[in-house]
Structure formats: structure tokens, C-alpha cells
C-alpha atoms as a PDB file:
ATOM      1  CA  MET A   1      -4.292   6.487   7.094  1.00  0.00           C
ATOM      2  CA  PHE A   2      -4.005   9.743   5.139  1.00  0.00           C
ATOM      3  CA  LEU A   3      -0.255  10.088   5.633  1.00  0.00           C
ATOM      4  CA  ILE A   4       0.598   6.439   5.061  1.00  0.00           C
ATOM      5  CA  SER A   5      -1.488   6.276   1.874  1.00  0.00           C
ATOM      6  CA  ILE A   6       0.117   9.430   0.459  1.00  0.00           C
ATOM      7  CA  ILE A   7       3.612   8.072   1.111  1.00  0.00           C
ATOM      8  CA  SER A   8       2.771   4.628  -0.237  1.00  0.00           C
ATOM      9  CA  VAL A   9       1.059   5.740  -3.443  1.00  0.00           C
ATOM     10  CA  ASN A  10       3.811   8.232  -4.257  1.00  0.00           C
ATOM     11  CA  ILE A  11       6.467   5.524  -3.974  1.00  0.00           C
ATOM     12  CA  ILE A  12       4.758   2.289  -4.998  1.00  0.00           C
ATOM     13  CA  ALA A  13       3.012   3.569  -8.156  1.00  0.00           C
ATOM     14  CA  PRO A  14       6.176   5.038  -9.740  1.00  0.00           C
ATOM     15  CA  VAL A  15       8.282   1.989  -8.846  1.00  0.00           C
ATOM     16  CA  ILE A  16       5.805  -0.534 -10.253  1.00  0.00           C
ATOM     17  CA  THR A  17       5.264   1.604 -13.361  1.00  0.00           C
ATOM     18  CA  GLY A  18       9.019   1.880 -13.771  1.00  0.00           C
ATOM     19  CA  PHE A  19       9.318  -1.898 -13.774  1.00  0.00           C
ATOM     20  CA  GLU A  20       6.485  -2.090 -16.305  1.00  0.00           C
ATOM     21  CA  ILE A  21       7.546   0.515 -18.862  1.00  0.00           C
ATOM     22  CA  GLY A  22      10.989   1.629 -17.763  1.00  0.00           C
ATOM     23  CA  PHE A  23      12.402   4.171 -15.354  1.00  0.00           C
ATOM     24  CA  SER A  24      12.589   7.679 -16.842  1.00  0.00           C
ATOM     25  CA  TRP A  25      11.470  11.225 -16.152  1.00  0.00           C
ATOM     26  CA  GLN A  26       8.749  10.755 -18.774  1.00  0.00           C
ATOM     27  CA  THR A  27       7.421   7.678 -16.934  1.00  0.00           C
ATOM     28  CA  TRP A  28       7.489   9.537 -13.630  1.00  0.00           C
ATOM     29  CA  HIS A  29       5.622  12.462 -15.216  1.00  0.00           C
ATOM     30  CA  GLN A  30       2.954  10.059 -16.565  1.00  0.00           C
ATOM     31  CA  VAL A  31       2.544   8.524 -13.122  1.00  0.00           C
ATOM     32  CA  LEU A  32       2.042  11.931 -11.505  1.00  0.00           C
ATOM     33  CA  ALA A  33      -1.068  12.433 -13.637  1.00  0.00           C
ATOM     34  CA  ILE A  34      -2.744   9.261 -12.329  1.00  0.00           C
ATOM     35  CA  ILE A  35      -1.665   9.471  -8.672  1.00  0.00           C
ATOM     36  CA  PRO A  36      -4.808  11.346  -7.467  1.00  0.00           C
ATOM     37  CA  LEU A  37      -7.119   8.644  -8.851  1.00  0.00           C
ATOM     38  CA  MET A  38      -4.755   5.923  -7.634  1.00  0.00           C
ATOM     39  CA  TRP A  39      -4.752   7.459  -4.141  1.00  0.00           C
ATOM     40  CA  ILE A  40      -8.569   7.568  -3.962  1.00  0.00           C
ATOM     41  CA  THR A  41      -8.708   3.959  -5.145  1.00  0.00           C
ATOM     42  CA  VAL A  42      -6.151   2.878  -2.531  1.00  0.00           C
ATOM     43  CA  LEU A  43      -8.138   4.605   0.231  1.00  0.00           C
ATOM     44  CA  ALA A  44     -11.313   2.815  -0.857  1.00  0.00           C
ATOM     45  CA  ILE A  45      -9.530  -0.560  -1.017  1.00  0.00           C
ATOM     46  CA  VAL A  46      -7.920   0.011   2.404  1.00  0.00           C
ATOM     47  CA  LEU A  47     -11.344   0.656   3.907  1.00  0.00           C
ATOM     48  CA  LEU A  48     -12.847  -2.395   2.178  1.00  0.00           C
ATOM     49  CA  THR A  49     -10.041  -4.738   3.218  1.00  0.00           C
ATOM     50  CA  GLN A  50      -9.682  -3.536   6.811  1.00  0.00           C
ATOM     51  CA  GLN A  51     -12.115  -6.095   8.274  1.00  0.00           C
ATOM     52  CA  PRO A  52     -10.876  -9.076   6.235  1.00  0.00           C
ATOM     53  CA  ALA A  53      -7.278  -8.193   7.171  1.00  0.00           C
ATOM     54  CA  GLY A  54      -8.298  -8.091  10.840  1.00  0.00           C
ATOM     55  CA  TRP A  55     -10.007 -11.466  10.479  1.00  0.00           C
ATOM     56  CA  LEU A  56      -6.866 -12.973   8.905  1.00  0.00           C
ATOM     57  CA  THR A  57      -4.697 -11.435  11.619  1.00  0.00           C
ATOM     58  CA  GLU A  58      -6.832 -13.036  14.335  1.00  0.00           C
ATOM     59  CA  ARG A  59      -6.346 -16.435  12.667  1.00  0.00           C
ATOM     60  CA  ILE A  60      -2.544 -16.061  12.587  1.00  0.00           C
ATOM     61  CA  VAL A  61      -1.599 -14.485  15.933  1.00  0.00           C
ATOM     62  CA  ASP A  62      -2.593 -15.394  19.485  1.00  0.00           C
ATOM     63  CA  ARG A  63      -4.215 -12.935  21.858  1.00  0.00           C
ATOM     64  CA  GLU A  64      -1.141 -13.254  24.072  1.00  0.00           C
ATOM     65  CA  ASP A  65       1.248 -12.256  21.279  1.00  0.00           C
ATOM     66  CA  SER A  66       2.839  -8.826  21.509  1.00  0.00           C
ATOM     67  CA  PHE A  67       1.317  -5.655  20.164  1.00  0.00           C
ATOM     68  CA  LEU A  68       4.170  -5.482  17.644  1.00  0.00           C
ATOM     69  CA  ALA A  69       3.385  -8.999  16.411  1.00  0.00           C
ATOM     70  CA  HIS A  70      -0.251  -8.019  15.905  1.00  0.00           C
ATOM     71  CA  MET A  71       0.746  -4.839  14.046  1.00  0.00           C
ATOM     72  CA  VAL A  72       3.240  -6.583  11.750  1.00  0.00           C
ATOM     73  CA  ILE A  73       0.882  -9.437  10.876  1.00  0.00           C
ATOM     74  CA  ASN A  74      -2.017  -7.027  10.357  1.00  0.00           C
ATOM     75  CA  GLY A  75       0.188  -4.949   8.060  1.00  0.00           C
ATOM     76  CA  LEU A  76       1.193  -8.084   6.162  1.00  0.00           C
ATOM     77  CA  CYS A  77      -2.442  -9.158   5.770  1.00  0.00           C
ATOM     78  CA  SER A  78      -3.488  -5.661   4.703  1.00  0.00           C
ATOM     79  CA  VAL A  79      -0.733  -5.387   2.102  1.00  0.00           C
ATOM     80  CA  LEU A  80      -1.574  -8.878   0.848  1.00  0.00           C
ATOM     81  CA  LEU A  81      -5.239  -8.014   0.266  1.00  0.00           C
ATOM     82  CA  ILE A  82      -4.630  -4.506  -1.045  1.00  0.00           C
ATOM     83  CA  SER A  83      -1.949  -5.718  -3.470  1.00  0.00           C
ATOM     84  CA  ILE A  84      -4.318  -8.322  -4.902  1.00  0.00           C
ATOM     85  CA  PHE A  85      -6.925  -5.687  -5.759  1.00  0.00           C
ATOM     86  CA  MET A  86      -4.447  -3.008  -6.818  1.00  0.00           C
ATOM     87  CA  THR A  87      -2.649  -5.363  -9.199  1.00  0.00           C
ATOM     88  CA  VAL A  88      -5.850  -5.319 -11.246  1.00  0.00           C
ATOM     89  CA  LEU A  89      -7.203  -1.837 -10.509  1.00  0.00           C
ATOM     90  CA  GLY A  90      -3.785  -0.170 -10.734  1.00  0.00           C
ATOM     91  CA  THR A  91      -3.267  -1.646 -14.186  1.00  0.00           C
ATOM     92  CA  TRP A  92      -6.640  -0.358 -15.307  1.00  0.00           C
ATOM     93  CA  ILE A  93      -5.973   3.106 -13.893  1.00  0.00           C
ATOM     94  CA  GLY A  94      -2.440   3.266 -15.251  1.00  0.00           C
ATOM     95  CA  SER A  95      -3.358   2.077 -18.738  1.00  0.00           C
ATOM     96  CA  GLN A  96      -6.613   4.075 -18.656  1.00  0.00           C
ATOM     97  CA  GLN A  97      -8.563   1.114 -19.970  1.00  0.00           C
ATOM     98  CA  ILE A  98     -10.381  -1.871 -18.574  1.00  0.00           C
ATOM     99  CA  SER A  99      -9.084  -5.106 -20.057  1.00  0.00           C
ATOM    100  CA  TRP A 100      -8.397  -8.754 -19.228  1.00  0.00           C
ATOM    101  CA  THR A 101      -4.629  -8.114 -19.198  1.00  0.00           C
ATOM    102  CA  PRO A 102      -4.232  -7.788 -15.404  1.00  0.00           C
ATOM    103  CA  PHE A 103      -6.070 -11.081 -14.933  1.00  0.00           C
ATOM    104  CA  GLN A 104      -4.050 -12.837 -17.618  1.00  0.00           C
ATOM    105  CA  GLN A 105      -0.757 -11.605 -16.125  1.00  0.00           C
ATOM    106  CA  PHE A 106      -1.837 -11.687 -12.470  1.00  0.00           C
ATOM    107  CA  PHE A 107       0.391 -14.517 -11.248  1.00  0.00           C
ATOM    108  CA  VAL A 108       3.400 -12.950 -12.956  1.00  0.00           C
ATOM    109  CA  LYS A 109       2.806  -9.363 -11.761  1.00  0.00           C
ATOM    110  CA  TRP A 110       1.242  -9.799  -8.328  1.00  0.00           C
ATOM    111  CA  PRO A 111       4.242 -11.332  -6.494  1.00  0.00           C
ATOM    112  CA  ARG A 112       6.452  -8.431  -7.602  1.00  0.00           C
ATOM    113  CA  ASN A 113       3.789  -5.855  -6.714  1.00  0.00           C
ATOM    114  CA  PHE A 114       3.246  -7.471  -3.313  1.00  0.00           C
ATOM    115  CA  ALA A 115       6.981  -7.486  -2.564  1.00  0.00           C
ATOM    116  CA  ILE A 116       7.356  -3.825  -3.544  1.00  0.00           C
ATOM    117  CA  ALA A 117       4.312  -2.778  -1.518  1.00  0.00           C
ATOM    118  CA  LEU A 118       5.397  -4.792   1.529  1.00  0.00           C
ATOM    119  CA  ALA A 119       8.930  -3.376   1.424  1.00  0.00           C
ATOM    120  CA  VAL A 120       7.661   0.203   1.096  1.00  0.00           C
ATOM    121  CA  GLU A 121       5.142  -0.271   3.908  1.00  0.00           C
ATOM    122  CA  LEU A 122       7.493  -1.973   6.369  1.00  0.00           C
ATOM    123  CA  LEU A 123      10.691  -0.078   5.603  1.00  0.00           C
ATOM    124  CA  ILE A 124       9.524   3.410   4.620  1.00  0.00           C
ATOM    125  CA  ALA A 125       5.862   4.337   5.145  1.00  0.00           C
ATOM    126  CA  GLN A 126       5.134   2.696   8.514  1.00  0.00           C
ATOM    127  CA  PRO A 127       8.335   3.949  10.226  1.00  0.00           C
ATOM    128  CA  ILE A 128       7.744   7.503   8.970  1.00  0.00           C
ATOM    129  CA  VAL A 129       4.118   7.470  10.141  1.00  0.00           C
ATOM    130  CA  ARG A 130       5.014   5.963  13.534  1.00  0.00           C
ATOM    131  CA  GLN A 131       7.710   8.617  14.058  1.00  0.00           C
ATOM    132  CA  THR A 132       5.326  11.376  12.981  1.00  0.00           C
ATOM    133  CA  MET A 133       2.607  10.142  15.346  1.00  0.00           C
ATOM    134  CA  GLN A 134       5.112   9.929  18.189  1.00  0.00           C
ATOM    135  CA  LEU A 135       6.206  13.529  17.559  1.00  0.00           C
ATOM    136  CA  ILE A 136       2.583  14.704  17.477  1.00  0.00           C
ATOM    137  CA  HIS A 137       1.773  12.904  20.752  1.00  0.00           C
ATOM    138  CA  ASN A 138       4.917  14.230  22.439  1.00  0.00           C
ATOM    139  CA  ARG A 139       4.071  17.761  21.328  1.00  0.00           C
ATOM    140  CA  GLN A 140       0.535  17.405  22.674  1.00  0.00           C
ATOM    141  CA  LYS A 141       1.883  16.174  26.023  1.00  0.00           C
ATOM    142  CA  THR A 142       4.228  19.155  26.356  1.00  0.00           C
ATOM    143  CA  GLU A 143       1.410  21.584  25.498  1.00  0.00           C
ATOM    144  CA  ASP A 144      -0.811  20.105  28.216  1.00  0.00           C
END
């Protein structure tokens, strides 16, 4: 969870912010300042949404479905739930103020945020973490 959250926050936050206020070195520098708080928030939301995501996964896949099917659907459900909360909380953290704006713009912003988060998770973060875990397990096997 540590590795995947670090990768995700360091990619998703700058990309979404870039779409919001423009892609520039200044924007990236501003995002770097809020990443620690964003990362802590993401970890808390991941822990809070873990059980509901598991419940949703159980409703979508059969017990007989493959391990990969369970993992993909669980990832989809997790990203769905996390993106809902982070669309609001991320706006508050990024703008450094609590306002009604994320609620007023939710149905405009959330689909984009969900798509970005899902793409980063499925195409970048998850493969890197799976490869890293495989290398760690292989190294442990050779040491034994």
C-alpha cells in the first residue's frame, strides 16, 4: 500500500492539477508542496474504503472467477470509491480552503478524475508494484 500510494499520488495529483490550472513547472512546484498532506489523506481514504470496495467486489464477481478477475474488479471498486472522496478532499487540500465548489462541480470533475486515477492505477502503479513484489519474493526465495 505504501509503494502504490506514493506512485499514485505523485502522478495523479500533478495531472489533475495540470488539467485544472494548466501544466507548467510552477504548477508542478505548487503540487509538490501539498503532496505530503494529499498522501496522508489518500492512505486514510484507502483504509476507510477497503471494506466497502471488498463488498462491491463480492457483488460483481463470482467465487469461481479467476484471481485476476477479483483483483481487477477490486481495483476498479477501490478507485471508484477513492476518487469520489478525493474529488472533494483533493480540491480542498489543493485550494487550501473548504468550500462548496467541489460539490457544485462534482459531476463535471469526478468522471475525469476517476478516469485519470483508473488509468494510473491499472497501467502504471499496479504493474510497478506487482513487479517489485515479485522481485522481492524471488530474492527472498534465493536467500533461503
